[in-house]
Amino acid sequence: MNAFDPTPPPWSAAATHARQFCCPSCQATCFTATDVWINRRAPVMTEEHQRKWQEFYACPCGQAWWAWSSDRPPSPIQVREDLP
């Protein structure tokens, strides 16, 4: 499955909105997801005129969940600014 496919996968229909950016059932992070789909066909504009999308995740525990892209925490992989 391509995360950017315009057609939603069947598992996304039962997804639950996660208030925290993790599985609402087992609290697993998005990094453990078995599948991912980003709904780029329906962006929402924020008050700061930024776009945000729904990101859908299939958790290994069987729960499908989604959250706003703007709620995603910073990556644990940090860019080092001191490199040439």
PDB file of N, CA and C in Angstrom:
ATOM      1  N   MET A   1       0.840  -1.181   0.000  1.00  0.00           N
ATOM      2  CA  MET A   1       0.000   0.000   0.000  1.00  0.00           C
ATOM      3  C   MET A   1       0.882   1.241   0.000  1.00  0.00           C
ATOM      4  N   ASN A   2       0.547   2.169  -0.837  1.00  0.00           N
ATOM      5  CA  ASN A   2       1.250   3.446  -0.917  1.00  0.00           C
ATOM      6  C   ASN A   2       0.577   4.432   0.031  1.00  0.00           C
ATOM      7  N   ALA A   3       1.333   5.046   0.918  1.00  0.00           N
ATOM      8  CA  ALA A   3       0.772   5.992   1.891  1.00  0.00           C
ATOM      9  C   ALA A   3       0.117   7.189   1.203  1.00  0.00           C
ATOM     10  N   PHE A   4       0.500   7.476  -0.039  1.00  0.00           N
ATOM     11  CA  PHE A   4      -0.033   8.626  -0.760  1.00  0.00           C
ATOM     12  C   PHE A   4      -1.073   8.246  -1.810  1.00  0.00           C
ATOM     13  N   ASP A   5      -1.526   7.008  -1.804  1.00  0.00           N
ATOM     14  CA  ASP A   5      -2.564   6.556  -2.731  1.00  0.00           C
ATOM     15  C   ASP A   5      -3.811   7.414  -2.523  1.00  0.00           C
ATOM     16  N   PRO A   6      -4.451   7.892  -3.590  1.00  0.00           N
ATOM     17  CA  PRO A   6      -5.643   8.728  -3.402  1.00  0.00           C
ATOM     18  C   PRO A   6      -6.856   7.961  -2.866  1.00  0.00           C
ATOM     19  N   THR A   7      -6.864   6.644  -3.025  1.00  0.00           N
ATOM     20  CA  THR A   7      -7.989   5.835  -2.559  1.00  0.00           C
ATOM     21  C   THR A   7      -7.706   5.316  -1.158  1.00  0.00           C
ATOM     22  N   PRO A   8      -8.611   5.568  -0.214  1.00  0.00           N
ATOM     23  CA  PRO A   8      -8.364   5.086   1.155  1.00  0.00           C
ATOM     24  C   PRO A   8      -8.393   3.566   1.243  1.00  0.00           C
ATOM     25  N   PRO A   9      -7.533   2.985   2.062  1.00  0.00           N
ATOM     26  CA  PRO A   9      -7.565   1.531   2.251  1.00  0.00           C
ATOM     27  C   PRO A   9      -8.789   1.143   3.088  1.00  0.00           C
ATOM     28  N   PRO A  10      -9.284  -0.060   2.924  1.00  0.00           N
ATOM     29  CA  PRO A  10     -10.474  -0.498   3.668  1.00  0.00           C
ATOM     30  C   PRO A  10     -10.337  -0.369   5.184  1.00  0.00           C
ATOM     31  N   TRP A  11      -9.147  -0.620   5.738  1.00  0.00           N
ATOM     32  CA  TRP A  11      -8.960  -0.586   7.190  1.00  0.00           C
ATOM     33  C   TRP A  11      -9.141   0.820   7.767  1.00  0.00           C
ATOM     34  N   SER A  12      -8.989   1.867   6.951  1.00  0.00           N
ATOM     35  CA  SER A  12      -9.090   3.241   7.456  1.00  0.00           C
ATOM     36  C   SER A  12     -10.530   3.644   7.800  1.00  0.00           C
ATOM     37  N   ALA A  13     -11.511   2.921   7.274  1.00  0.00           N
ATOM     38  CA  ALA A  13     -12.921   3.259   7.528  1.00  0.00           C
ATOM     39  C   ALA A  13     -13.289   3.131   9.009  1.00  0.00           C
ATOM     40  N   ALA A  14     -12.626   2.239   9.723  1.00  0.00           N
ATOM     41  CA  ALA A  14     -12.936   2.019  11.142  1.00  0.00           C
ATOM     42  C   ALA A  14     -11.980   2.761  12.068  1.00  0.00           C
ATOM     43  N   ALA A  15     -11.182   3.674  11.535  1.00  0.00           N
ATOM     44  CA  ALA A  15     -10.172   4.364  12.350  1.00  0.00           C
ATOM     45  C   ALA A  15     -10.807   5.284  13.386  1.00  0.00           C
ATOM     46  N   THR A  16     -10.185   5.340  14.533  1.00  0.00           N
ATOM     47  CA  THR A  16     -10.602   6.183  15.650  1.00  0.00           C
ATOM     48  C   THR A  16      -9.696   7.404  15.718  1.00  0.00           C
ATOM     49  N   HIS A  17     -10.274   8.568  16.001  1.00  0.00           N
ATOM     50  CA  HIS A  17      -9.471   9.776  16.129  1.00  0.00           C
ATOM     51  C   HIS A  17      -8.681   9.710  17.432  1.00  0.00           C
ATOM     52  N   ALA A  18      -7.376   9.782  17.316  1.00  0.00           N
ATOM     53  CA  ALA A  18      -6.501   9.742  18.492  1.00  0.00           C
ATOM     54  C   ALA A  18      -6.247  11.167  18.967  1.00  0.00           C
ATOM     55  N   ARG A  19      -6.567  11.472  20.184  1.00  0.00           N
ATOM     56  CA  ARG A  19      -6.340  12.808  20.748  1.00  0.00           C
ATOM     57  C   ARG A  19      -4.854  13.057  21.009  1.00  0.00           C
ATOM     58  N   GLN A  20      -4.133  12.018  21.372  1.00  0.00           N
ATOM     59  CA  GLN A  20      -2.679  12.063  21.502  1.00  0.00           C
ATOM     60  C   GLN A  20      -2.166  11.401  20.233  1.00  0.00           C
ATOM     61  N   PHE A  21      -0.957  11.659  19.839  1.00  0.00           N
ATOM     62  CA  PHE A  21      -0.461  11.089  18.588  1.00  0.00           C
ATOM     63  C   PHE A  21       0.082   9.682  18.834  1.00  0.00           C
ATOM     64  N   CYS A  22      -0.840   8.775  19.223  1.00  0.00           N
ATOM     65  CA  CYS A  22      -0.496   7.374  19.448  1.00  0.00           C
ATOM     66  C   CYS A  22      -1.781   6.559  19.387  1.00  0.00           C
ATOM     67  N   CYS A  23      -1.633   5.255  19.358  1.00  0.00           N
ATOM     68  CA  CYS A  23      -2.797   4.374  19.298  1.00  0.00           C
ATOM     69  C   CYS A  23      -3.653   4.572  20.548  1.00  0.00           C
ATOM     70  N   PRO A  24      -4.947   4.850  20.390  1.00  0.00           N
ATOM     71  CA  PRO A  24      -5.795   5.032  21.574  1.00  0.00           C
ATOM     72  C   PRO A  24      -6.023   3.745  22.360  1.00  0.00           C
ATOM     73  N   SER A  25      -5.730   2.605  21.749  1.00  0.00           N
ATOM     74  CA  SER A  25      -5.946   1.335  22.424  1.00  0.00           C
ATOM     75  C   SER A  25      -4.734   0.896  23.252  1.00  0.00           C
ATOM     76  N   CYS A  26      -3.533   0.918  22.633  1.00  0.00           N
ATOM     77  CA  CYS A  26      -2.345   0.404  23.331  1.00  0.00           C
ATOM     78  C   CYS A  26      -1.241   1.448  23.505  1.00  0.00           C
ATOM     79  N   GLN A  27      -1.459   2.662  23.044  1.00  0.00           N
ATOM     80  CA  GLN A  27      -0.517   3.785  23.140  1.00  0.00           C
ATOM     81  C   GLN A  27       0.777   3.579  22.338  1.00  0.00           C
ATOM     82  N   ALA A  28       0.765   2.688  21.354  1.00  0.00           N
ATOM     83  CA  ALA A  28       1.931   2.506  20.475  1.00  0.00           C
ATOM     84  C   ALA A  28       2.087   3.742  19.597  1.00  0.00           C
ATOM     85  N   THR A  29       3.321   4.081  19.255  1.00  0.00           N
ATOM     86  CA  THR A  29       3.561   5.251  18.419  1.00  0.00           C
ATOM     87  C   THR A  29       3.333   4.910  16.945  1.00  0.00           C
ATOM     88  N   CYS A  30       3.341   5.938  16.127  1.00  0.00           N
ATOM     89  CA  CYS A  30       3.150   5.750  14.692  1.00  0.00           C
ATOM     90  C   CYS A  30       4.311   4.964  14.068  1.00  0.00           C
ATOM     91  N   PHE A  31       5.469   4.937  14.735  1.00  0.00           N
ATOM     92  CA  PHE A  31       6.626   4.221  14.209  1.00  0.00           C
ATOM     93  C   PHE A  31       6.431   2.707  14.202  1.00  0.00           C
ATOM     94  N   THR A  32       5.476   2.214  14.969  1.00  0.00           N
ATOM     95  CA  THR A  32       5.219   0.769  15.007  1.00  0.00           C
ATOM     96  C   THR A  32       4.077   0.358  14.085  1.00  0.00           C
ATOM     97  N   ALA A  33       3.486   1.297  13.384  1.00  0.00           N
ATOM     98  CA  ALA A  33       2.333   1.008  12.531  1.00  0.00           C
ATOM     99  C   ALA A  33       2.674  -0.022  11.457  1.00  0.00           C
ATOM    100  N   THR A  34       1.717  -0.873  11.175  1.00  0.00           N
ATOM    101  CA  THR A  34       1.903  -1.877  10.126  1.00  0.00           C
ATOM    102  C   THR A  34       1.507  -1.323   8.760  1.00  0.00           C
ATOM    103  N   ASP A  35       0.731  -0.258   8.747  1.00  0.00           N
ATOM    104  CA  ASP A  35       0.327   0.381   7.505  1.00  0.00           C
ATOM    105  C   ASP A  35       0.006   1.840   7.774  1.00  0.00           C
ATOM    106  N   VAL A  36       0.189   2.675   6.768  1.00  0.00           N
ATOM    107  CA  VAL A  36      -0.034   4.116   6.904  1.00  0.00           C
ATOM    108  C   VAL A  36      -0.732   4.624   5.659  1.00  0.00           C
ATOM    109  N   TRP A  37      -1.664   5.549   5.843  1.00  0.00           N
ATOM    110  CA  TRP A  37      -2.296   6.225   4.708  1.00  0.00           C
ATOM    111  C   TRP A  37      -2.517   7.683   5.086  1.00  0.00           C
ATOM    112  N   ILE A  38      -2.163   8.601   4.180  1.00  0.00           N
ATOM    113  CA  ILE A  38      -2.339  10.034   4.407  1.00  0.00           C
ATOM    114  C   ILE A  38      -3.426  10.535   3.471  1.00  0.00           C
ATOM    115  N   ASN A  39      -4.460  11.126   4.048  1.00  0.00           N
ATOM    116  CA  ASN A  39      -5.584  11.642   3.262  1.00  0.00           C
ATOM    117  C   ASN A  39      -5.221  13.023   2.720  1.00  0.00           C
ATOM    118  N   ARG A  40      -4.496  13.047   1.616  1.00  0.00           N
ATOM    119  CA  ARG A  40      -4.048  14.311   1.034  1.00  0.00           C
ATOM    120  C   ARG A  40      -5.087  14.918   0.110  1.00  0.00           C
ATOM    121  N   ARG A  41      -6.214  14.254  -0.066  1.00  0.00           N
ATOM    122  CA  ARG A  41      -7.260  14.794  -0.933  1.00  0.00           C
ATOM    123  C   ARG A  41      -8.142  15.813  -0.219  1.00  0.00           C
ATOM    124  N   ALA A  42      -8.052  15.869   1.093  1.00  0.00           N
ATOM    125  CA  ALA A  42      -8.913  16.774   1.846  1.00  0.00           C
ATOM    126  C   ALA A  42      -8.117  17.534   2.900  1.00  0.00           C
ATOM    127  N   PRO A  43      -7.215  18.425   2.484  1.00  0.00           N
ATOM    128  CA  PRO A  43      -6.455  19.178   3.482  1.00  0.00           C
ATOM    129  C   PRO A  43      -7.345  20.188   4.201  1.00  0.00           C
ATOM    130  N   VAL A  44      -6.954  20.526   5.393  1.00  0.00           N
ATOM    131  CA  VAL A  44      -7.647  21.532   6.197  1.00  0.00           C
ATOM    132  C   VAL A  44      -6.664  22.675   6.398  1.00  0.00           C
ATOM    133  N   MET A  45      -7.142  23.901   6.328  1.00  0.00           N
ATOM    134  CA  MET A  45      -6.285  25.066   6.544  1.00  0.00           C
ATOM    135  C   MET A  45      -6.372  25.491   8.004  1.00  0.00           C
ATOM    136  N   THR A  46      -5.218  25.741   8.601  1.00  0.00           N
ATOM    137  CA  THR A  46      -5.183  26.211   9.988  1.00  0.00           C
ATOM    138  C   THR A  46      -5.347  27.727  10.010  1.00  0.00           C
ATOM    139  N   GLU A  47      -5.433  28.277  11.201  1.00  0.00           N
ATOM    140  CA  GLU A  47      -5.552  29.732  11.348  1.00  0.00           C
ATOM    141  C   GLU A  47      -4.319  30.455  10.826  1.00  0.00           C
ATOM    142  N   GLU A  48      -3.175  29.763  10.827  1.00  0.00           N
ATOM    143  CA  GLU A  48      -1.919  30.350  10.332  1.00  0.00           C
ATOM    144  C   GLU A  48      -1.737  30.105   8.834  1.00  0.00           C
ATOM    145  N   HIS A  49      -2.798  29.654   8.163  1.00  0.00           N
ATOM    146  CA  HIS A  49      -2.789  29.377   6.721  1.00  0.00           C
ATOM    147  C   HIS A  49      -1.838  28.255   6.341  1.00  0.00           C
ATOM    148  N   GLN A  50      -1.686  27.296   7.226  1.00  0.00           N
ATOM    149  CA  GLN A  50      -0.895  26.092   6.969  1.00  0.00           C
ATOM    150  C   GLN A  50      -1.859  24.948   6.679  1.00  0.00           C
ATOM    151  N   ARG A  51      -1.445  24.038   5.827  1.00  0.00           N
ATOM    152  CA  ARG A  51      -2.271  22.866   5.548  1.00  0.00           C
ATOM    153  C   ARG A  51      -1.951  21.753   6.536  1.00  0.00           C
ATOM    154  N   LYS A  52      -2.999  20.998   6.884  1.00  0.00           N
ATOM    155  CA  LYS A  52      -2.800  19.795   7.683  1.00  0.00           C
ATOM    156  C   LYS A  52      -3.677  18.695   7.093  1.00  0.00           C
ATOM    157  N   TRP A  53      -3.231  17.449   7.273  1.00  0.00           N
ATOM    158  CA  TRP A  53      -3.932  16.308   6.720  1.00  0.00           C
ATOM    159  C   TRP A  53      -4.225  15.297   7.804  1.00  0.00           C
ATOM    160  N   GLN A  54      -5.169  14.416   7.489  1.00  0.00           N
ATOM    161  CA  GLN A  54      -5.423  13.279   8.365  1.00  0.00           C
ATOM    162  C   GLN A  54      -4.394  12.202   8.033  1.00  0.00           C
ATOM    163  N   GLU A  55      -3.718  11.693   9.047  1.00  0.00           N
ATOM    164  CA  GLU A  55      -2.775  10.596   8.884  1.00  0.00           C
ATOM    165  C   GLU A  55      -3.389   9.367   9.559  1.00  0.00           C
ATOM    166  N   PHE A  56      -3.545   8.307   8.800  1.00  0.00           N
ATOM    167  CA  PHE A  56      -4.162   7.084   9.297  1.00  0.00           C
ATOM    168  C   PHE A  56      -3.088   6.030   9.530  1.00  0.00           C
ATOM    169  N   TYR A  57      -3.210   5.316  10.654  1.00  0.00           N
ATOM    170  CA  TYR A  57      -2.241   4.293  11.025  1.00  0.00           C
ATOM    171  C   TYR A  57      -2.964   3.003  11.409  1.00  0.00           C
ATOM    172  N   ALA A  58      -2.437   1.876  10.944  1.00  0.00           N
ATOM    173  CA  ALA A  58      -2.922   0.556  11.361  1.00  0.00           C
ATOM    174  C   ALA A  58      -1.933   0.043  12.397  1.00  0.00           C
ATOM    175  N   CYS A  59      -2.388  -0.107  13.614  1.00  0.00           N
ATOM    176  CA  CYS A  59      -1.531  -0.514  14.723  1.00  0.00           C
ATOM    177  C   CYS A  59      -1.405  -2.040  14.764  1.00  0.00           C
ATOM    178  N   PRO A  60      -0.266  -2.548  15.220  1.00  0.00           N
ATOM    179  CA  PRO A  60      -0.117  -4.007  15.362  1.00  0.00           C
ATOM    180  C   PRO A  60      -1.161  -4.629  16.299  1.00  0.00           C
ATOM    181  N   CYS A  61      -1.722  -3.842  17.222  1.00  0.00           N
ATOM    182  CA  CYS A  61      -2.732  -4.390  18.135  1.00  0.00           C
ATOM    183  C   CYS A  61      -4.088  -4.592  17.445  1.00  0.00           C
ATOM    184  N   GLY A  62      -4.216  -4.125  16.200  1.00  0.00           N
ATOM    185  CA  GLY A  62      -5.463  -4.296  15.463  1.00  0.00           C
ATOM    186  C   GLY A  62      -6.313  -3.038  15.378  1.00  0.00           C
ATOM    187  N   GLN A  63      -5.971  -2.029  16.145  1.00  0.00           N
ATOM    188  CA  GLN A  63      -6.708  -0.758  16.142  1.00  0.00           C
ATOM    189  C   GLN A  63      -6.221   0.128  14.993  1.00  0.00           C
ATOM    190  N   ALA A  64      -7.158   0.705  14.248  1.00  0.00           N
ATOM    191  CA  ALA A  64      -6.817   1.717  13.245  1.00  0.00           C
ATOM    192  C   ALA A  64      -7.100   3.068  13.884  1.00  0.00           C
ATOM    193  N   TRP A  65      -6.193   4.016  13.698  1.00  0.00           N
ATOM    194  CA  TRP A  65      -6.378   5.333  14.304  1.00  0.00           C
ATOM    195  C   TRP A  65      -5.877   6.406  13.347  1.00  0.00           C
ATOM    196  N   TRP A  66      -6.352   7.635  13.585  1.00  0.00           N
ATOM    197  CA  TRP A  66      -5.881   8.756  12.777  1.00  0.00           C
ATOM    198  C   TRP A  66      -5.670   9.968  13.668  1.00  0.00           C
ATOM    199  N   ALA A  67      -4.809  10.862  13.188  1.00  0.00           N
ATOM    200  CA  ALA A  67      -4.540  12.119  13.883  1.00  0.00           C
ATOM    201  C   ALA A  67      -4.158  13.153  12.832  1.00  0.00           C
ATOM    202  N   TRP A  68      -4.216  14.402  13.215  1.00  0.00           N
ATOM    203  CA  TRP A  68      -3.841  15.478  12.300  1.00  0.00           C
ATOM    204  C   TRP A  68      -2.325  15.530  12.144  1.00  0.00           C
ATOM    205  N   SER A  69      -1.872  15.799  10.931  1.00  0.00           N
ATOM    206  CA  SER A  69      -0.431  15.894  10.672  1.00  0.00           C
ATOM    207  C   SER A  69       0.210  16.986  11.516  1.00  0.00           C
ATOM    208  N   SER A  70      -0.538  18.024  11.835  1.00  0.00           N
ATOM    209  CA  SER A  70       0.005  19.125  12.646  1.00  0.00           C
ATOM    210  C   SER A  70       0.218  18.722  14.108  1.00  0.00           C
ATOM    211  N   ASP A  71      -0.376  17.610  14.530  1.00  0.00           N
ATOM    212  CA  ASP A  71      -0.227  17.136  15.909  1.00  0.00           C
ATOM    213  C   ASP A  71       0.930  16.158  16.070  1.00  0.00           C
ATOM    214  N   ARG A  72       1.569  15.765  14.952  1.00  0.00           N
ATOM    215  CA  ARG A  72       2.666  14.816  15.014  1.00  0.00           C
ATOM    216  C   ARG A  72       3.829  15.419  15.796  1.00  0.00           C
ATOM    217  N   PRO A  73       4.372  14.694  16.756  1.00  0.00           N
ATOM    218  CA  PRO A  73       5.519  15.221  17.519  1.00  0.00           C
ATOM    219  C   PRO A  73       6.760  15.294  16.631  1.00  0.00           C
ATOM    220  N   PRO A  74       7.762  16.070  17.050  1.00  0.00           N
ATOM    221  CA  PRO A  74       9.005  16.148  16.271  1.00  0.00           C
ATOM    222  C   PRO A  74       9.654  14.771  16.144  1.00  0.00           C
ATOM    223  N   SER A  75      10.360  14.588  15.073  1.00  0.00           N
ATOM    224  CA  SER A  75      11.049  13.328  14.833  1.00  0.00           C
ATOM    225  C   SER A  75      12.147  13.119  15.871  1.00  0.00           C
ATOM    226  N   PRO A  76      12.340  11.873  16.310  1.00  0.00           N
ATOM    227  CA  PRO A  76      13.445  11.607  17.239  1.00  0.00           C
ATOM    228  C   PRO A  76      14.802  11.713  16.542  1.00  0.00           C
ATOM    229  N   ILE A  77      14.791  11.741  15.216  1.00  0.00           N
ATOM    230  CA  ILE A  77      16.021  11.904  14.447  1.00  0.00           C
ATOM    231  C   ILE A  77      16.203  13.397  14.207  1.00  0.00           C
ATOM    232  N   GLN A  78      17.183  13.976  14.850  1.00  0.00           N
ATOM    233  CA  GLN A  78      17.381  15.413  14.753  1.00  0.00           C
ATOM    234  C   GLN A  78      18.454  15.738  13.726  1.00  0.00           C
ATOM    235  N   VAL A  79      18.237  16.825  13.015  1.00  0.00           N
ATOM    236  CA  VAL A  79      19.204  17.288  12.042  1.00  0.00           C
ATOM    237  C   VAL A  79      20.291  18.060  12.783  1.00  0.00           C
ATOM    238  N   ARG A  80      21.519  17.708  12.531  1.00  0.00           N
ATOM    239  CA  ARG A  80      22.625  18.395  13.191  1.00  0.00           C
ATOM    240  C   ARG A  80      22.979  19.626  12.364  1.00  0.00           C
ATOM    241  N   GLU A  81      22.929  20.773  12.980  1.00  0.00           N
ATOM    242  CA  GLU A  81      23.218  22.017  12.288  1.00  0.00           C
ATOM    243  C   GLU A  81      24.706  22.303  12.175  1.00  0.00           C
ATOM    244  N   ASP A  82      25.528  21.571  12.916  1.00  0.00           N
ATOM    245  CA  ASP A  82      26.959  21.839  12.896  1.00  0.00           C
ATOM    246  C   ASP A  82      27.695  21.070  11.788  1.00  0.00           C
ATOM    247  N   LEU A  83      26.962  20.299  10.979  1.00  0.00           N
ATOM    248  CA  LEU A  83      27.596  19.574   9.874  1.00  0.00           C
ATOM    249  C   LEU A  83      27.762  20.496   8.670  1.00  0.00           C
ATOM    250  N   PRO A  84      28.828  20.300   7.884  1.00  0.00           N
ATOM    251  CA  PRO A  84      29.044  21.161   6.709  1.00  0.00           C
ATOM    252  C   PRO A  84      28.019  20.930   5.631  1.00  0.00           C
TER     253      PRO A  84
END
